């Protein structure tokens, strides 16, 4: 398993261990299979030269939490998302190295919003992961 694949699987495992999340997908999926659902949407990678034998690779993963508003009233949907925010952030803070898979990971930014067209309350986070790579 490659470095990126390993880190992504560790993020998925961490998300699956959070109480209150119904299902986690490591790819974009139209039928989410329950709510709240979490999807790992994408990433960016920066490679930074540390020294002549090592690069510091920075992976930024975009993760989205979905809660539907059709059968759940908006106030309850907001409460569900609000209750997950700190729990989600704490889960990554308590396992800073994702079980030794990286040098460090941080929940770097977040944004909550509503998609009124599809009746969905969403919460986006970015997870920054740093890993030293021998070159």
N, C-alpha and C. Protein backbone atom coordinates (compact mmCIF):
# COMPACT_ATOMS: atom_id res chain seq x y z
N UNK A 1 0.85 -1.17 0.00
CA UNK A 1 0.00 0.00 0.00
C UNK A 1 0.90 1.24 0.00
N UNK A 2 0.58 2.20 -0.87
CA UNK A 2 1.35 3.42 -0.94
C UNK A 2 1.08 4.35 0.22
N UNK A 3 1.90 5.37 0.36
CA UNK A 3 1.77 6.32 1.46
C UNK A 3 0.40 7.00 1.44
N UNK A 4 0.01 7.55 0.27
CA UNK A 4 -1.27 8.23 0.16
C UNK A 4 -2.43 7.29 0.51
N UNK A 5 -2.41 6.09 -0.05
CA UNK A 5 -3.48 5.12 0.18
C UNK A 5 -3.56 4.74 1.66
N UNK A 6 -2.42 4.57 2.29
CA UNK A 6 -2.38 4.23 3.70
C UNK A 6 -2.97 5.35 4.56
N UNK A 7 -2.58 6.58 4.28
CA UNK A 7 -3.09 7.72 5.04
C UNK A 7 -4.59 7.86 4.85
N UNK A 8 -5.06 7.74 3.61
CA UNK A 8 -6.50 7.84 3.35
C UNK A 8 -7.27 6.76 4.09
N UNK A 9 -6.73 5.55 4.13
CA UNK A 9 -7.43 4.47 4.84
C UNK A 9 -7.44 4.73 6.35
N UNK A 10 -6.38 5.33 6.89
CA UNK A 10 -6.34 5.68 8.31
C UNK A 10 -7.36 6.77 8.64
N UNK A 11 -7.51 7.74 7.74
CA UNK A 11 -8.53 8.78 7.93
C UNK A 11 -9.92 8.15 7.92
N UNK A 12 -10.16 7.25 6.97
CA UNK A 12 -11.46 6.56 6.89
C UNK A 12 -11.73 5.76 8.17
N UNK A 13 -10.73 5.03 8.65
CA UNK A 13 -10.87 4.26 9.90
C UNK A 13 -11.20 5.18 11.07
N UNK A 14 -10.51 6.31 11.14
CA UNK A 14 -10.75 7.27 12.23
C UNK A 14 -12.19 7.79 12.18
N UNK A 15 -12.66 8.13 10.99
CA UNK A 15 -14.02 8.63 10.83
C UNK A 15 -15.05 7.55 11.17
N UNK A 16 -14.78 6.31 10.78
CA UNK A 16 -15.70 5.20 11.07
C UNK A 16 -15.82 4.93 12.57
N UNK A 17 -14.80 5.30 13.33
CA UNK A 17 -14.81 5.09 14.77
C UNK A 17 -15.52 6.17 15.57
N UNK A 18 -16.01 7.19 14.89
CA UNK A 18 -16.68 8.30 15.58
C UNK A 18 -18.16 7.96 15.73
N UNK A 19 -18.62 7.92 16.97
CA UNK A 19 -20.03 7.66 17.25
C UNK A 19 -20.91 8.74 16.66
N UNK A 20 -22.02 8.36 16.11
CA UNK A 20 -22.95 9.32 15.52
C UNK A 20 -22.85 9.41 14.02
N UNK A 21 -21.76 8.91 13.42
CA UNK A 21 -21.64 8.89 11.97
C UNK A 21 -22.19 7.55 11.49
N UNK A 22 -23.15 7.60 10.58
CA UNK A 22 -23.81 6.38 10.10
C UNK A 22 -22.94 5.60 9.13
N UNK A 23 -22.30 6.30 8.16
CA UNK A 23 -21.52 5.62 7.13
C UNK A 23 -20.43 6.56 6.61
N UNK A 24 -19.30 5.98 6.21
CA UNK A 24 -18.17 6.74 5.67
C UNK A 24 -17.79 6.14 4.31
N UNK A 25 -17.64 7.01 3.32
CA UNK A 25 -17.21 6.59 1.98
C UNK A 25 -15.87 7.26 1.67
N UNK A 26 -14.97 6.50 1.08
CA UNK A 26 -13.66 7.07 0.72
C UNK A 26 -13.65 7.56 -0.72
N UNK A 27 -14.83 7.74 -1.30
CA UNK A 27 -14.98 8.22 -2.67
C UNK A 27 -16.34 8.91 -2.78
N UNK A 28 -16.51 9.72 -3.81
CA UNK A 28 -17.78 10.41 -4.05
C UNK A 28 -18.84 9.39 -4.42
N UNK A 29 -19.96 9.43 -3.72
CA UNK A 29 -21.03 8.47 -3.94
C UNK A 29 -22.36 9.20 -3.93
N UNK A 30 -23.22 8.92 -4.89
CA UNK A 30 -24.51 9.60 -4.97
C UNK A 30 -25.50 9.08 -3.93
N UNK A 31 -25.60 7.76 -3.78
CA UNK A 31 -26.47 7.17 -2.77
C UNK A 31 -25.64 6.98 -1.51
N UNK A 32 -25.82 7.85 -0.53
CA UNK A 32 -24.94 7.85 0.64
C UNK A 32 -25.22 6.71 1.61
N UNK A 33 -26.41 6.14 1.59
CA UNK A 33 -26.69 4.97 2.41
C UNK A 33 -27.03 5.23 3.86
N UNK A 34 -27.40 6.44 4.20
CA UNK A 34 -27.77 6.77 5.58
C UNK A 34 -27.16 8.10 5.99
N UNK A 35 -27.67 8.64 7.11
CA UNK A 35 -27.23 9.95 7.57
C UNK A 35 -27.05 9.94 9.08
N UNK A 36 -26.12 10.72 9.58
CA UNK A 36 -25.15 11.51 8.82
C UNK A 36 -24.15 10.61 8.10
N UNK A 37 -23.80 11.04 6.90
CA UNK A 37 -22.82 10.33 6.07
C UNK A 37 -21.59 11.22 5.89
N UNK A 38 -20.44 10.57 5.73
CA UNK A 38 -19.19 11.30 5.52
C UNK A 38 -18.55 10.79 4.24
N UNK A 39 -18.06 11.72 3.43
CA UNK A 39 -17.38 11.37 2.19
C UNK A 39 -16.02 12.06 2.17
N UNK A 40 -14.98 11.28 1.86
CA UNK A 40 -13.65 11.85 1.63
C UNK A 40 -13.63 12.24 0.16
N UNK A 41 -13.65 13.55 -0.11
CA UNK A 41 -13.88 14.05 -1.46
C UNK A 41 -12.62 14.17 -2.31
N UNK A 42 -11.55 14.61 -1.75
CA UNK A 42 -10.38 14.85 -2.57
C UNK A 42 -9.21 15.31 -1.75
N UNK A 43 -8.16 15.69 -2.44
CA UNK A 43 -6.92 16.02 -1.76
C UNK A 43 -6.06 16.91 -2.63
N UNK A 44 -5.09 17.54 -1.99
CA UNK A 44 -3.97 18.18 -2.68
C UNK A 44 -2.71 17.66 -2.03
N UNK A 45 -1.61 17.68 -2.79
CA UNK A 45 -0.32 17.22 -2.26
C UNK A 45 0.73 18.28 -2.58
N UNK A 46 1.51 18.64 -1.56
CA UNK A 46 2.68 19.51 -1.74
C UNK A 46 3.90 18.74 -1.29
N UNK A 47 4.94 18.77 -2.08
CA UNK A 47 6.20 18.11 -1.76
C UNK A 47 7.24 19.18 -1.46
N UNK A 48 7.79 19.17 -0.26
CA UNK A 48 8.72 20.20 0.17
C UNK A 48 10.06 19.54 0.48
N UNK A 49 11.13 20.03 -0.14
CA UNK A 49 12.46 19.49 0.09
C UNK A 49 12.90 19.79 1.52
N UNK A 50 13.11 18.75 2.32
CA UNK A 50 13.58 18.90 3.70
C UNK A 50 15.10 18.95 3.71
N UNK A 51 15.72 17.96 3.08
CA UNK A 51 17.18 17.89 2.92
C UNK A 51 17.46 17.03 1.69
N UNK A 52 18.70 16.66 1.47
CA UNK A 52 19.04 15.93 0.25
C UNK A 52 18.50 14.50 0.22
N UNK A 53 18.01 14.01 1.35
CA UNK A 53 17.50 12.63 1.40
C UNK A 53 16.04 12.53 1.81
N UNK A 54 15.41 13.67 2.10
CA UNK A 54 14.05 13.63 2.65
C UNK A 54 13.19 14.76 2.10
N UNK A 55 11.95 14.43 1.77
CA UNK A 55 10.95 15.43 1.44
C UNK A 55 9.86 15.39 2.51
N UNK A 56 9.29 16.55 2.79
CA UNK A 56 8.13 16.62 3.65
C UNK A 56 6.93 16.72 2.72
N UNK A 57 6.10 15.72 2.75
CA UNK A 57 4.92 15.70 1.89
C UNK A 57 3.71 16.13 2.72
N UNK A 58 2.99 17.12 2.21
CA UNK A 58 1.78 17.61 2.87
C UNK A 58 0.56 17.22 2.04
N UNK A 59 -0.29 16.42 2.63
CA UNK A 59 -1.54 16.00 2.01
C UNK A 59 -2.67 16.78 2.67
N UNK A 60 -3.54 17.39 1.89
CA UNK A 60 -4.71 18.04 2.43
C UNK A 60 -5.94 17.30 1.90
N UNK A 61 -6.67 16.66 2.80
CA UNK A 61 -7.87 15.91 2.44
C UNK A 61 -9.10 16.75 2.72
N UNK A 62 -10.04 16.77 1.77
CA UNK A 62 -11.32 17.44 1.98
C UNK A 62 -12.34 16.38 2.35
N UNK A 63 -13.01 16.61 3.46
CA UNK A 63 -13.99 15.66 3.99
C UNK A 63 -15.31 16.41 4.17
N UNK A 64 -16.41 15.79 3.74
CA UNK A 64 -17.72 16.43 3.87
C UNK A 64 -18.67 15.54 4.65
N UNK A 65 -19.35 16.16 5.63
CA UNK A 65 -20.39 15.48 6.41
C UNK A 65 -21.74 15.93 5.84
N UNK A 66 -22.62 14.96 5.55
CA UNK A 66 -23.94 15.24 5.01
C UNK A 66 -25.02 14.85 6.02
N UNK A 67 -26.03 15.71 6.19
CA UNK A 67 -27.22 15.37 6.97
C UNK A 67 -28.43 15.86 6.18
N UNK A 68 -29.32 14.95 5.84
CA UNK A 68 -30.47 15.32 5.02
C UNK A 68 -31.47 16.15 5.82
N UNK A 69 -32.23 16.97 5.09
CA UNK A 69 -33.22 17.86 5.71
C UNK A 69 -34.65 17.51 5.29
N UNK A 70 -34.84 16.45 4.54
CA UNK A 70 -36.16 16.11 4.01
C UNK A 70 -37.01 15.43 5.08
N UNK A 71 -36.47 14.39 5.71
CA UNK A 71 -37.22 13.69 6.76
C UNK A 71 -36.81 14.13 8.16
N UNK A 72 -35.68 14.84 8.26
CA UNK A 72 -35.23 15.39 9.54
C UNK A 72 -35.45 16.90 9.48
N UNK A 73 -36.12 17.46 10.47
CA UNK A 73 -36.36 18.90 10.40
C UNK A 73 -35.03 19.65 10.50
N UNK A 74 -34.97 20.85 9.93
CA UNK A 74 -33.73 21.61 9.88
C UNK A 74 -33.07 21.83 11.24
N UNK A 75 -33.87 22.08 12.28
CA UNK A 75 -33.29 22.30 13.61
C UNK A 75 -32.59 21.04 14.11
N UNK A 76 -33.20 19.88 13.92
CA UNK A 76 -32.60 18.61 14.34
C UNK A 76 -31.35 18.32 13.51
N UNK A 77 -31.39 18.58 12.20
CA UNK A 77 -30.23 18.37 11.34
C UNK A 77 -29.05 19.23 11.80
N UNK A 78 -29.35 20.46 12.14
CA UNK A 78 -28.31 21.37 12.64
C UNK A 78 -27.71 20.83 13.94
N UNK A 79 -28.55 20.34 14.82
CA UNK A 79 -28.11 19.78 16.09
C UNK A 79 -27.21 18.55 15.87
N UNK A 80 -27.59 17.69 14.93
CA UNK A 80 -26.79 16.50 14.62
C UNK A 80 -25.40 16.90 14.15
N UNK A 81 -25.34 17.84 13.21
CA UNK A 81 -24.04 18.32 12.69
C UNK A 81 -23.25 19.01 13.79
N UNK A 82 -23.89 19.88 14.56
CA UNK A 82 -23.20 20.60 15.63
C UNK A 82 -22.58 19.64 16.64
N UNK A 83 -23.31 18.57 16.97
CA UNK A 83 -22.79 17.61 17.94
C UNK A 83 -21.62 16.80 17.40
N UNK A 84 -21.49 16.71 16.10
CA UNK A 84 -20.37 15.97 15.50
C UNK A 84 -19.09 16.79 15.38
N UNK A 85 -19.21 18.10 15.32
CA UNK A 85 -18.05 18.95 15.01
C UNK A 85 -16.90 18.74 16.00
N UNK A 86 -17.13 18.95 17.28
CA UNK A 86 -16.05 18.81 18.25
C UNK A 86 -15.59 17.35 18.36
N UNK A 87 -16.53 16.42 18.28
CA UNK A 87 -16.17 15.00 18.35
C UNK A 87 -15.23 14.63 17.21
N UNK A 88 -15.55 15.11 16.03
CA UNK A 88 -14.71 14.84 14.86
C UNK A 88 -13.33 15.47 15.02
N UNK A 89 -13.29 16.72 15.43
CA UNK A 89 -12.01 17.40 15.61
C UNK A 89 -11.18 16.74 16.72
N UNK A 90 -11.84 16.36 17.81
CA UNK A 90 -11.13 15.71 18.92
C UNK A 90 -10.56 14.36 18.52
N UNK A 91 -11.27 13.61 17.69
CA UNK A 91 -10.79 12.29 17.27
C UNK A 91 -9.43 12.39 16.57
N UNK A 92 -9.26 13.41 15.73
CA UNK A 92 -7.98 13.59 15.04
C UNK A 92 -6.94 14.20 15.98
N UNK A 93 -7.36 15.06 16.89
CA UNK A 93 -6.43 15.65 17.86
C UNK A 93 -5.87 14.63 18.83
N UNK A 94 -6.65 13.61 19.16
CA UNK A 94 -6.22 12.59 20.11
C UNK A 94 -5.32 11.52 19.48
N UNK A 95 -5.31 11.46 18.16
CA UNK A 95 -4.44 10.51 17.44
C UNK A 95 -3.68 11.29 16.38
N UNK A 96 -2.80 12.14 16.86
CA UNK A 96 -2.07 13.12 16.06
C UNK A 96 -1.29 12.49 14.90
N UNK A 97 -0.85 11.23 15.04
CA UNK A 97 -0.05 10.58 13.98
C UNK A 97 -0.83 9.53 13.20
N UNK A 98 -2.13 9.46 13.40
CA UNK A 98 -2.96 8.44 12.74
C UNK A 98 -2.37 7.05 12.95
N UNK A 99 -2.07 6.74 14.20
CA UNK A 99 -1.53 5.43 14.52
C UNK A 99 -0.12 5.20 13.99
N UNK A 100 0.65 6.27 13.83
CA UNK A 100 2.03 6.16 13.34
C UNK A 100 2.17 6.25 11.83
N UNK A 101 1.08 6.53 11.12
CA UNK A 101 1.12 6.60 9.66
C UNK A 101 1.73 7.90 9.14
N UNK A 102 1.84 8.92 10.01
CA UNK A 102 2.36 10.21 9.57
C UNK A 102 3.04 10.92 10.74
N UNK A 103 3.69 12.03 10.44
CA UNK A 103 4.33 12.83 11.49
C UNK A 103 3.32 13.68 12.24
N UNK A 104 2.21 14.01 11.59
CA UNK A 104 1.19 14.80 12.25
C UNK A 104 0.00 15.07 11.35
N UNK A 105 -1.16 15.26 11.96
CA UNK A 105 -2.35 15.64 11.20
C UNK A 105 -3.15 16.64 12.02
N UNK A 106 -3.79 17.56 11.31
CA UNK A 106 -4.55 18.64 11.93
C UNK A 106 -5.83 18.85 11.16
N UNK A 107 -6.91 19.11 11.88
CA UNK A 107 -8.11 19.61 11.23
C UNK A 107 -7.84 21.10 11.06
N UNK A 108 -7.67 21.51 9.82
CA UNK A 108 -7.15 22.83 9.52
C UNK A 108 -8.23 23.89 9.31
N UNK A 109 -9.33 23.53 8.71
CA UNK A 109 -10.38 24.52 8.49
C UNK A 109 -11.72 23.80 8.40
N UNK A 110 -12.76 24.57 8.55
CA UNK A 110 -14.09 23.98 8.46
C UNK A 110 -15.08 25.02 7.96
N UNK A 111 -16.19 24.51 7.41
CA UNK A 111 -17.22 25.38 6.87
C UNK A 111 -18.54 24.62 6.88
N UNK A 112 -19.55 25.21 7.47
CA UNK A 112 -20.89 24.62 7.46
C UNK A 112 -21.77 25.37 6.47
N UNK A 113 -22.65 24.64 5.80
CA UNK A 113 -23.53 25.26 4.81
C UNK A 113 -24.73 24.37 4.52
N UNK A 114 -25.73 24.92 3.84
CA UNK A 114 -26.94 24.19 3.47
C UNK A 114 -27.09 24.22 1.95
N UNK A 115 -27.38 23.05 1.36
CA UNK A 115 -27.72 22.97 -0.06
C UNK A 115 -29.24 22.84 -0.12
N UNK A 116 -29.91 23.94 -0.38
CA UNK A 116 -31.37 23.97 -0.36
C UNK A 116 -31.98 23.19 -1.52
N UNK A 117 -31.26 23.07 -2.63
CA UNK A 117 -31.80 22.37 -3.79
C UNK A 117 -32.00 20.89 -3.53
N UNK A 118 -31.10 20.27 -2.77
CA UNK A 118 -31.22 18.84 -2.49
C UNK A 118 -31.62 18.56 -1.04
N UNK A 119 -31.83 19.61 -0.26
CA UNK A 119 -32.25 19.44 1.13
C UNK A 119 -31.19 18.77 1.99
N UNK A 120 -29.99 19.34 2.00
CA UNK A 120 -28.88 18.73 2.70
C UNK A 120 -28.13 19.76 3.54
N UNK A 121 -27.89 19.45 4.80
CA UNK A 121 -27.02 20.25 5.68
C UNK A 121 -25.64 19.64 5.58
N UNK A 122 -24.64 20.44 5.30
CA UNK A 122 -23.28 19.93 5.08
C UNK A 122 -22.28 20.64 5.97
N UNK A 123 -21.21 19.94 6.21
CA UNK A 123 -20.10 20.47 7.00
C UNK A 123 -18.82 19.98 6.34
N UNK A 124 -18.00 20.88 5.85
CA UNK A 124 -16.73 20.54 5.20
C UNK A 124 -15.58 20.78 6.16
N UNK A 125 -14.64 19.85 6.14
CA UNK A 125 -13.39 20.06 6.89
C UNK A 125 -12.22 19.74 5.98
N UNK A 126 -11.10 20.34 6.28
CA UNK A 126 -9.84 19.99 5.63
C UNK A 126 -8.93 19.39 6.69
N UNK A 127 -8.34 18.27 6.35
CA UNK A 127 -7.40 17.60 7.24
C UNK A 127 -6.03 17.68 6.59
N UNK A 128 -5.10 18.35 7.26
CA UNK A 128 -3.73 18.46 6.78
C UNK A 128 -2.91 17.35 7.42
N UNK A 129 -2.22 16.57 6.59
CA UNK A 129 -1.38 15.47 7.06
C UNK A 129 0.03 15.69 6.55
N UNK A 130 1.01 15.57 7.45
CA UNK A 130 2.42 15.73 7.07
C UNK A 130 3.14 14.40 7.24
N UNK A 131 3.92 14.04 6.20
CA UNK A 131 4.64 12.76 6.21
C UNK A 131 6.03 12.98 5.61
N UNK A 132 7.06 12.53 6.32
CA UNK A 132 8.42 12.58 5.79
C UNK A 132 8.62 11.39 4.85
N UNK A 133 9.17 11.67 3.66
CA UNK A 133 9.36 10.67 2.63
C UNK A 133 10.85 10.62 2.27
N UNK A 134 11.42 9.42 2.36
CA UNK A 134 12.82 9.26 1.93
C UNK A 134 12.88 9.31 0.41
N UNK A 135 13.87 10.07 -0.11
CA UNK A 135 14.03 10.18 -1.57
C UNK A 135 15.36 9.64 -2.02
